[in-house]
Structure formats: C-alpha cells, structure tokens
N, C-alpha and C. Protein backbone atom coordinates (compact mmCIF):
# COMPACT_ATOMS: atom_id res chain seq x y z
N UNK A 1 24.06 -0.88 -10.70
CA UNK A 1 24.60 -1.50 -9.51
C UNK A 1 23.83 -2.81 -9.28
N UNK A 2 24.53 -3.91 -9.05
CA UNK A 2 23.85 -5.19 -8.84
C UNK A 2 24.43 -5.88 -7.62
N UNK A 3 23.64 -6.81 -7.12
CA UNK A 3 24.11 -7.67 -6.05
C UNK A 3 24.89 -8.82 -6.66
N UNK A 4 25.49 -9.64 -5.81
CA UNK A 4 26.22 -10.80 -6.32
C UNK A 4 25.30 -11.72 -7.10
N UNK A 5 24.01 -11.74 -6.75
CA UNK A 5 23.07 -12.61 -7.45
C UNK A 5 22.59 -11.98 -8.76
N UNK A 6 23.16 -10.85 -9.15
CA UNK A 6 22.79 -10.13 -10.35
C UNK A 6 21.39 -9.52 -10.28
N UNK A 7 20.83 -9.44 -9.09
CA UNK A 7 19.55 -8.74 -8.92
C UNK A 7 19.87 -7.26 -8.83
N UNK A 8 19.16 -6.42 -9.57
CA UNK A 8 19.41 -4.98 -9.48
C UNK A 8 19.11 -4.45 -8.08
N UNK A 9 19.78 -3.39 -7.72
CA UNK A 9 19.57 -2.75 -6.42
C UNK A 9 18.79 -1.47 -6.64
N UNK A 10 17.83 -1.20 -5.77
CA UNK A 10 17.04 0.02 -5.89
C UNK A 10 17.93 1.25 -5.72
N UNK A 11 17.76 2.26 -6.55
CA UNK A 11 18.56 3.48 -6.41
C UNK A 11 18.06 4.31 -5.23
N UNK A 12 18.90 5.20 -4.70
CA UNK A 12 18.49 6.06 -3.58
C UNK A 12 17.24 6.89 -3.89
N UNK A 13 17.07 7.28 -5.14
CA UNK A 13 15.89 8.06 -5.50
C UNK A 13 14.60 7.29 -5.22
N UNK A 14 14.62 5.98 -5.45
CA UNK A 14 13.43 5.16 -5.17
C UNK A 14 13.09 5.22 -3.69
N UNK A 15 14.09 5.17 -2.85
CA UNK A 15 13.86 5.24 -1.40
C UNK A 15 13.29 6.61 -1.01
N UNK A 16 13.87 7.68 -1.54
CA UNK A 16 13.40 9.03 -1.21
C UNK A 16 11.96 9.23 -1.67
N UNK A 17 11.66 8.83 -2.89
CA UNK A 17 10.30 8.98 -3.40
C UNK A 17 9.31 8.07 -2.67
N UNK A 18 9.77 6.90 -2.30
CA UNK A 18 8.92 5.99 -1.54
C UNK A 18 8.49 6.61 -0.22
N UNK A 19 9.44 7.14 0.50
CA UNK A 19 9.11 7.76 1.80
C UNK A 19 8.31 9.05 1.62
N UNK A 20 8.53 9.76 0.52
CA UNK A 20 7.71 10.94 0.23
C UNK A 20 6.25 10.55 0.04
N UNK A 21 6.03 9.31 -0.35
CA UNK A 21 4.68 8.81 -0.52
C UNK A 21 3.89 8.69 0.77
N UNK A 22 4.56 8.80 1.91
CA UNK A 22 3.86 8.80 3.20
C UNK A 22 3.29 10.18 3.54
N UNK A 23 3.79 11.22 2.88
CA UNK A 23 3.41 12.59 3.21
C UNK A 23 1.91 12.88 3.04
N UNK A 24 1.27 12.42 1.96
CA UNK A 24 -0.16 12.71 1.85
C UNK A 24 -0.98 12.16 3.02
N UNK A 25 -0.68 10.93 3.45
CA UNK A 25 -1.45 10.36 4.55
C UNK A 25 -1.08 11.01 5.88
N UNK A 26 0.16 11.43 6.01
CA UNK A 26 0.56 12.17 7.21
C UNK A 26 -0.19 13.50 7.27
N UNK A 27 -0.37 14.14 6.13
CA UNK A 27 -1.13 15.39 6.07
C UNK A 27 -2.58 15.15 6.46
N UNK A 28 -3.15 14.05 6.00
CA UNK A 28 -4.53 13.71 6.35
C UNK A 28 -4.68 13.55 7.86
N UNK A 29 -3.78 12.81 8.47
CA UNK A 29 -3.84 12.60 9.93
C UNK A 29 -3.67 13.93 10.65
N UNK A 30 -2.75 14.75 10.18
CA UNK A 30 -2.54 16.07 10.80
C UNK A 30 -3.80 16.92 10.72
N UNK A 31 -4.44 16.92 9.58
CA UNK A 31 -5.68 17.70 9.40
C UNK A 31 -6.79 17.14 10.30
N UNK A 32 -6.88 15.82 10.40
CA UNK A 32 -7.91 15.22 11.24
C UNK A 32 -7.70 15.57 12.71
N UNK A 33 -6.46 15.67 13.12
CA UNK A 33 -6.16 16.01 14.52
C UNK A 33 -6.36 17.50 14.77
N UNK A 34 -5.89 18.34 13.86
CA UNK A 34 -5.90 19.78 14.12
C UNK A 34 -6.98 20.57 13.41
N UNK A 35 -7.61 19.98 12.43
CA UNK A 35 -8.62 20.71 11.67
C UNK A 35 -9.98 20.64 12.33
N UNK A 36 -10.86 21.45 11.83
CA UNK A 36 -12.21 21.48 12.37
C UNK A 36 -13.12 20.48 11.68
N UNK A 37 -14.36 20.42 12.13
CA UNK A 37 -15.32 19.48 11.55
C UNK A 37 -15.65 19.76 10.09
N UNK A 38 -15.41 21.00 9.65
CA UNK A 38 -15.71 21.36 8.27
C UNK A 38 -14.76 20.70 7.26
N UNK A 39 -13.59 20.24 7.70
CA UNK A 39 -12.64 19.59 6.79
C UNK A 39 -12.53 18.09 7.03
N UNK A 40 -13.22 17.59 8.02
CA UNK A 40 -13.10 16.18 8.41
C UNK A 40 -13.44 15.22 7.27
N UNK A 41 -14.62 15.38 6.68
CA UNK A 41 -15.03 14.43 5.65
C UNK A 41 -14.11 14.50 4.43
N UNK A 42 -13.70 15.70 4.07
CA UNK A 42 -12.78 15.84 2.94
C UNK A 42 -11.46 15.15 3.23
N UNK A 43 -10.91 15.36 4.42
CA UNK A 43 -9.65 14.72 4.79
C UNK A 43 -9.80 13.19 4.77
N UNK A 44 -10.88 12.69 5.34
CA UNK A 44 -11.10 11.24 5.35
C UNK A 44 -11.25 10.70 3.93
N UNK A 45 -11.96 11.43 3.08
CA UNK A 45 -12.15 10.99 1.70
C UNK A 45 -10.82 10.93 0.95
N UNK A 46 -10.00 11.96 1.13
CA UNK A 46 -8.69 11.98 0.47
C UNK A 46 -7.81 10.85 1.02
N UNK A 47 -7.82 10.67 2.33
CA UNK A 47 -7.04 9.59 2.94
C UNK A 47 -7.47 8.22 2.47
N UNK A 48 -8.78 8.02 2.38
CA UNK A 48 -9.30 6.75 1.87
C UNK A 48 -8.85 6.53 0.43
N UNK A 49 -9.06 7.56 -0.41
CA UNK A 49 -8.70 7.43 -1.81
C UNK A 49 -7.22 7.15 -2.01
N UNK A 50 -6.39 7.82 -1.23
CA UNK A 50 -4.94 7.61 -1.37
C UNK A 50 -4.56 6.19 -0.96
N UNK A 51 -5.11 5.72 0.16
CA UNK A 51 -4.80 4.35 0.61
C UNK A 51 -5.27 3.33 -0.42
N UNK A 52 -6.46 3.52 -0.97
CA UNK A 52 -6.98 2.58 -1.97
C UNK A 52 -6.12 2.59 -3.23
N UNK A 53 -5.69 3.78 -3.66
CA UNK A 53 -4.83 3.88 -4.84
C UNK A 53 -3.49 3.18 -4.63
N UNK A 54 -2.88 3.44 -3.50
CA UNK A 54 -1.57 2.85 -3.24
C UNK A 54 -1.68 1.33 -3.08
N UNK A 55 -2.72 0.86 -2.42
CA UNK A 55 -2.89 -0.59 -2.29
C UNK A 55 -3.07 -1.23 -3.66
N UNK A 56 -3.86 -0.60 -4.52
CA UNK A 56 -4.02 -1.11 -5.89
C UNK A 56 -2.71 -1.06 -6.67
N UNK A 57 -1.96 0.03 -6.47
CA UNK A 57 -0.65 0.17 -7.10
C UNK A 57 0.27 -0.98 -6.71
N UNK A 58 0.25 -1.37 -5.43
CA UNK A 58 1.08 -2.49 -4.98
C UNK A 58 0.76 -3.76 -5.75
N UNK A 59 -0.52 -3.98 -5.99
CA UNK A 59 -0.91 -5.15 -6.79
C UNK A 59 -0.28 -5.11 -8.17
N UNK A 60 -0.27 -3.92 -8.78
CA UNK A 60 0.36 -3.79 -10.09
C UNK A 60 1.85 -4.04 -10.04
N UNK A 61 2.49 -3.58 -8.97
CA UNK A 61 3.92 -3.83 -8.80
C UNK A 61 4.17 -5.32 -8.68
N UNK A 62 3.35 -6.00 -7.87
CA UNK A 62 3.52 -7.46 -7.70
C UNK A 62 3.31 -8.18 -9.03
N UNK A 63 2.36 -7.71 -9.83
CA UNK A 63 2.12 -8.31 -11.15
C UNK A 63 3.39 -8.16 -12.00
N UNK A 64 3.97 -6.97 -11.98
CA UNK A 64 5.20 -6.74 -12.75
C UNK A 64 6.35 -7.61 -12.29
N UNK A 65 6.50 -7.75 -10.96
CA UNK A 65 7.56 -8.62 -10.44
C UNK A 65 7.31 -10.06 -10.86
N UNK A 66 6.06 -10.48 -10.81
CA UNK A 66 5.72 -11.84 -11.23
C UNK A 66 6.00 -12.05 -12.71
N UNK A 67 5.68 -11.06 -13.51
CA UNK A 67 5.92 -11.17 -14.95
C UNK A 67 7.41 -11.28 -15.25
N UNK A 68 8.22 -10.58 -14.46
CA UNK A 68 9.67 -10.66 -14.65
C UNK A 68 10.20 -12.06 -14.31
N UNK A 69 9.48 -12.76 -13.44
CA UNK A 69 9.90 -14.11 -13.06
C UNK A 69 9.54 -15.15 -14.10
N UNK A 70 8.68 -14.80 -15.04
CA UNK A 70 8.30 -15.72 -16.11
C UNK A 70 7.66 -16.99 -15.58
N UNK A 71 8.08 -18.11 -16.14
CA UNK A 71 7.46 -19.39 -15.81
C UNK A 71 7.77 -19.87 -14.40
N UNK A 72 8.75 -19.28 -13.74
CA UNK A 72 9.07 -19.71 -12.37
C UNK A 72 8.18 -19.02 -11.34
N UNK A 73 7.30 -18.12 -11.77
CA UNK A 73 6.40 -17.42 -10.86
C UNK A 73 5.24 -18.32 -10.49
N UNK A 74 5.07 -18.58 -9.19
CA UNK A 74 3.95 -19.44 -8.77
C UNK A 74 2.60 -18.74 -8.96
N UNK A 75 1.55 -19.53 -9.08
CA UNK A 75 0.21 -19.01 -9.34
C UNK A 75 -0.30 -18.06 -8.28
N UNK A 76 0.10 -18.25 -7.01
CA UNK A 76 -0.41 -17.37 -5.95
C UNK A 76 -0.02 -15.91 -6.19
N UNK A 77 1.10 -15.68 -6.91
CA UNK A 77 1.54 -14.31 -7.15
C UNK A 77 0.50 -13.57 -8.00
N UNK A 78 -0.05 -14.25 -8.98
CA UNK A 78 -1.05 -13.62 -9.85
C UNK A 78 -2.32 -13.30 -9.06
N UNK A 79 -2.71 -14.19 -8.19
CA UNK A 79 -3.89 -13.95 -7.35
C UNK A 79 -3.62 -12.78 -6.40
N UNK A 80 -2.45 -12.79 -5.76
CA UNK A 80 -2.09 -11.71 -4.84
C UNK A 80 -2.02 -10.37 -5.57
N UNK A 81 -1.65 -10.40 -6.84
CA UNK A 81 -1.53 -9.17 -7.62
C UNK A 81 -2.87 -8.52 -7.93
N UNK A 82 -3.89 -9.33 -8.08
CA UNK A 82 -5.22 -8.82 -8.42
C UNK A 82 -6.01 -8.47 -7.16
N UNK A 83 -5.73 -9.14 -6.06
CA UNK A 83 -6.50 -8.96 -4.83
C UNK A 83 -6.54 -7.52 -4.31
N UNK A 84 -5.44 -6.75 -4.31
CA UNK A 84 -5.53 -5.40 -3.77
C UNK A 84 -6.56 -4.51 -4.46
N UNK A 85 -6.64 -4.56 -5.77
CA UNK A 85 -7.62 -3.73 -6.47
C UNK A 85 -9.04 -4.15 -6.12
N UNK A 86 -9.26 -5.44 -6.03
CA UNK A 86 -10.61 -5.92 -5.69
C UNK A 86 -10.97 -5.58 -4.25
N UNK A 87 -10.00 -5.72 -3.34
CA UNK A 87 -10.26 -5.36 -1.95
C UNK A 87 -10.49 -3.86 -1.80
N UNK A 88 -9.70 -3.05 -2.49
CA UNK A 88 -9.89 -1.60 -2.44
C UNK A 88 -11.26 -1.22 -2.97
N UNK A 89 -11.68 -1.85 -4.05
CA UNK A 89 -13.00 -1.58 -4.60
C UNK A 89 -14.10 -2.00 -3.61
N UNK A 90 -13.92 -3.14 -2.98
CA UNK A 90 -14.91 -3.61 -2.01
C UNK A 90 -15.06 -2.64 -0.84
N UNK A 91 -13.97 -1.97 -0.46
CA UNK A 91 -14.07 -1.03 0.66
C UNK A 91 -14.82 0.24 0.27
N UNK A 92 -15.05 0.45 -1.02
CA UNK A 92 -15.84 1.60 -1.47
C UNK A 92 -17.34 1.29 -1.42
N UNK A 93 -17.68 0.03 -1.31
CA UNK A 93 -19.09 -0.39 -1.33
C UNK A 93 -19.93 0.32 -0.27
N UNK A 94 -19.48 0.41 0.99
CA UNK A 94 -20.31 1.11 1.99
C UNK A 94 -20.63 2.55 1.59
N UNK A 95 -19.67 3.23 1.00
CA UNK A 95 -19.89 4.62 0.58
C UNK A 95 -20.93 4.66 -0.55
N UNK A 96 -20.79 3.73 -1.47
CA UNK A 96 -21.68 3.71 -2.63
C UNK A 96 -23.12 3.34 -2.25
N UNK A 97 -23.29 2.65 -1.13
CA UNK A 97 -24.62 2.19 -0.74
C UNK A 97 -25.17 2.90 0.49
N UNK A 98 -24.49 3.96 0.96
CA UNK A 98 -24.99 4.74 2.08
C UNK A 98 -24.69 4.14 3.44
N UNK A 99 -23.79 3.19 3.50
CA UNK A 99 -23.43 2.57 4.78
C UNK A 99 -22.40 3.40 5.53
N UNK A 100 -21.93 2.84 6.62
CA UNK A 100 -20.92 3.51 7.43
C UNK A 100 -19.61 3.59 6.66
N UNK A 101 -19.13 4.81 6.49
CA UNK A 101 -17.93 5.04 5.69
C UNK A 101 -17.36 6.37 6.09
N UNK A 102 -16.10 6.64 6.01
CA UNK A 102 -15.00 5.83 5.54
C UNK A 102 -14.20 5.14 6.64
N UNK A 103 -14.51 5.44 7.91
CA UNK A 103 -13.72 4.87 9.01
C UNK A 103 -13.48 3.38 8.90
N UNK A 104 -14.55 2.56 8.84
CA UNK A 104 -14.33 1.11 8.75
C UNK A 104 -13.55 0.71 7.50
N UNK A 105 -13.81 1.38 6.39
CA UNK A 105 -13.09 1.06 5.15
C UNK A 105 -11.61 1.39 5.29
N UNK A 106 -11.30 2.48 5.97
CA UNK A 106 -9.89 2.85 6.16
C UNK A 106 -9.20 1.88 7.11
N UNK A 107 -9.91 1.37 8.08
CA UNK A 107 -9.33 0.38 8.98
C UNK A 107 -8.97 -0.88 8.19
N UNK A 108 -9.88 -1.32 7.33
CA UNK A 108 -9.60 -2.49 6.49
C UNK A 108 -8.39 -2.23 5.60
N UNK A 109 -8.36 -1.06 4.94
CA UNK A 109 -7.23 -0.74 4.07
C UNK A 109 -5.93 -0.63 4.86
N UNK A 110 -5.98 -0.03 6.04
CA UNK A 110 -4.77 0.07 6.86
C UNK A 110 -4.21 -1.29 7.21
N UNK A 111 -5.09 -2.21 7.61
CA UNK A 111 -4.64 -3.57 7.94
C UNK A 111 -4.11 -4.29 6.71
N UNK A 112 -4.76 -4.10 5.57
CA UNK A 112 -4.29 -4.72 4.33
C UNK A 112 -2.92 -4.18 3.92
N UNK A 113 -2.74 -2.88 4.05
CA UNK A 113 -1.44 -2.29 3.71
C UNK A 113 -0.35 -2.84 4.61
N UNK A 114 -0.62 -2.94 5.90
CA UNK A 114 0.39 -3.50 6.81
C UNK A 114 0.67 -4.96 6.46
N UNK A 115 -0.37 -5.70 6.11
CA UNK A 115 -0.20 -7.10 5.76
C UNK A 115 0.49 -7.32 4.43
N UNK A 116 0.51 -6.29 3.58
CA UNK A 116 1.10 -6.44 2.25
C UNK A 116 2.59 -6.76 2.31
N UNK A 117 3.22 -6.41 3.41
CA UNK A 117 4.65 -6.72 3.55
C UNK A 117 4.88 -8.23 3.52
N UNK A 118 3.88 -9.00 3.91
CA UNK A 118 4.02 -10.46 3.87
C UNK A 118 4.15 -10.95 2.42
N UNK A 119 3.42 -10.34 1.51
CA UNK A 119 3.56 -10.69 0.09
C UNK A 119 4.95 -10.30 -0.39
N UNK A 120 5.40 -9.10 -0.01
CA UNK A 120 6.74 -8.66 -0.41
C UNK A 120 7.82 -9.61 0.10
N UNK A 121 7.65 -10.08 1.33
CA UNK A 121 8.62 -11.02 1.89
C UNK A 121 8.65 -12.32 1.09
N UNK A 122 7.48 -12.81 0.70
CA UNK A 122 7.43 -14.05 -0.10
C UNK A 122 8.04 -13.84 -1.48
N UNK A 123 7.75 -12.68 -2.07
CA UNK A 123 8.33 -12.39 -3.39
C UNK A 123 9.85 -12.30 -3.30
N UNK A 124 10.34 -11.68 -2.24
CA UNK A 124 11.79 -11.60 -2.04
C UNK A 124 12.38 -12.99 -1.86
N UNK A 125 11.68 -13.84 -1.11
CA UNK A 125 12.14 -15.21 -0.90
C UNK A 125 12.24 -16.00 -2.19
N UNK A 126 11.40 -15.65 -3.16
CA UNK A 126 11.45 -16.30 -4.47
C UNK A 126 12.51 -15.69 -5.39
N UNK A 127 13.15 -14.61 -4.91
CA UNK A 127 14.16 -13.95 -5.74
C UNK A 127 13.56 -13.07 -6.82
N UNK A 128 12.31 -12.64 -6.65
CA UNK A 128 11.64 -11.84 -7.67
C UNK A 128 11.77 -10.33 -7.45
N UNK A 129 12.42 -9.93 -6.38
CA UNK A 129 12.52 -8.50 -6.06
C UNK A 129 13.95 -8.00 -6.20
N UNK A 130 14.10 -6.71 -6.42
CA UNK A 130 15.46 -6.16 -6.46
C UNK A 130 16.07 -6.10 -5.07
N UNK A 131 17.38 -5.94 -5.01
CA UNK A 131 18.06 -5.79 -3.73
C UNK A 131 17.55 -4.55 -3.01
N UNK A 132 17.38 -4.65 -1.71
CA UNK A 132 16.88 -3.53 -0.92
C UNK A 132 15.37 -3.42 -0.89
N UNK A 133 14.68 -4.36 -1.52
CA UNK A 133 13.22 -4.30 -1.62
C UNK A 133 12.55 -4.31 -0.25
N UNK A 134 12.90 -5.26 0.58
CA UNK A 134 12.25 -5.36 1.89
C UNK A 134 12.63 -4.19 2.78
N UNK A 135 13.86 -3.73 2.68
CA UNK A 135 14.28 -2.57 3.47
C UNK A 135 13.46 -1.33 3.10
N UNK A 136 12.95 -1.28 1.89
CA UNK A 136 12.08 -0.18 1.47
C UNK A 136 10.62 -0.48 1.74
N UNK A 137 10.16 -1.64 1.30
CA UNK A 137 8.73 -1.96 1.37
C UNK A 137 8.23 -2.12 2.80
N UNK A 138 9.00 -2.72 3.68
CA UNK A 138 8.50 -2.96 5.04
C UNK A 138 8.14 -1.65 5.76
N UNK A 139 9.03 -0.67 5.84
CA UNK A 139 8.63 0.55 6.53
C UNK A 139 7.54 1.33 5.79
N UNK A 140 7.51 1.24 4.47
CA UNK A 140 6.46 1.95 3.74
C UNK A 140 5.10 1.31 3.95
N UNK A 141 5.04 -0.02 3.90
CA UNK A 141 3.77 -0.72 4.11
C UNK A 141 3.25 -0.51 5.52
N UNK A 142 4.13 -0.68 6.49
CA UNK A 142 3.73 -0.50 7.89
C UNK A 142 3.40 0.96 8.15
N UNK A 143 4.21 1.87 7.64
CA UNK A 143 3.98 3.30 7.85
C UNK A 143 2.66 3.77 7.27
N UNK A 144 2.41 3.45 6.00
CA UNK A 144 1.16 3.88 5.39
C UNK A 144 -0.02 3.17 6.03
N UNK A 145 0.17 1.90 6.37
CA UNK A 145 -0.90 1.17 7.04
C UNK A 145 -1.27 1.78 8.37
N UNK A 146 -0.27 2.13 9.16
CA UNK A 146 -0.54 2.74 10.47
C UNK A 146 -1.17 4.12 10.33
N UNK A 147 -0.70 4.91 9.38
CA UNK A 147 -1.30 6.22 9.16
C UNK A 147 -2.77 6.09 8.71
N UNK A 148 -3.03 5.14 7.84
CA UNK A 148 -4.39 4.93 7.36
C UNK A 148 -5.29 4.42 8.49
N UNK A 149 -4.77 3.50 9.26
CA UNK A 149 -5.51 2.98 10.42
C UNK A 149 -5.81 4.09 11.41
N UNK A 150 -4.82 4.93 11.67
CA UNK A 150 -5.00 6.06 12.58
C UNK A 150 -6.09 7.00 12.07
N UNK A 151 -6.04 7.33 10.77
CA UNK A 151 -7.06 8.21 10.20
C UNK A 151 -8.44 7.59 10.32
N UNK A 152 -8.54 6.29 10.11
CA UNK A 152 -9.84 5.62 10.22
C UNK A 152 -10.37 5.58 11.64
N UNK A 153 -9.49 5.63 12.61
CA UNK A 153 -9.90 5.58 14.02
C UNK A 153 -10.16 6.96 14.61
N UNK A 154 -9.68 8.02 13.95
CA UNK A 154 -9.87 9.37 14.49
C UNK A 154 -11.30 9.87 14.29
C-alpha cells in the first residue's frame, strides 16, 4: 500500500506492536505505585534500561531512514541518529560512579524521548518517513516519555 507520493504506508501490525511497546514502562509505573520498597529499585532499573534501549533504538531507526534518503539526507540526520545512544550511555554514568540514580537519569531520558518527536517531524518534512509515521511516532514518543518521566519522579 502506498501514498500518492509512493511513500510506503505503515501496516496496522506496526501500530499494534508500537503501542504494545508502552506496556513494559506502564508495568514499571504500576509496580512503583502499588509495589513495596523491596521491588522499587528493580522496577526503576528495568524502567531505566527499557527507556535507554528504546531511545537508542530510535537513533538506529533514524539512521536507517537517513540511509534510505541517500545523498539527499542532510548531515544533521546522522548526528541526530548517533545522539540517542550517546545520551543514553551518559545517563548511566551516575549509576556507574555511585551518584544519584536512576531518578534523575530517567527524567533526562523521559524528556529526550518526548523531544524525539521533533526529529521525527523533521524527517517527515524531508520525505524520509513512511506514511503514517508521525501518527505513530508522536503518541509513542510522548507516551513513553511521560511514563519514563513519571517513573523517575515516583
């Protein structure tokens, strides 16, 4: 299925699996709200790891979209593609050095995930994304970002 511009359209399965990707972080928030102190650190650790993985994954997706654009892909796309992995790694630094973690790191990741929709919007504006991309990415980025931010604040 294609749009008039011959850009492929995301299949319904992509949408279903995308939204299913919110479930792990929703479970983390649920555990943080209803669980006891004995599961708190584990829930925060899982929530942090999931947010960092997904943020890094987005960078890989952006790299792939940029690669599909070939020579018409502007240089900022390559920088934006690498930044999520580096930012996610930087948020692990407090844990590795005995600093305050994971709350502040999750707040940073939550804000970065919410902000990632801005990159998706620019990529869509360049015609590098499939049809339906923003309709999928915006609620997923904001949703996961808010869940991660919530977990970091609990």
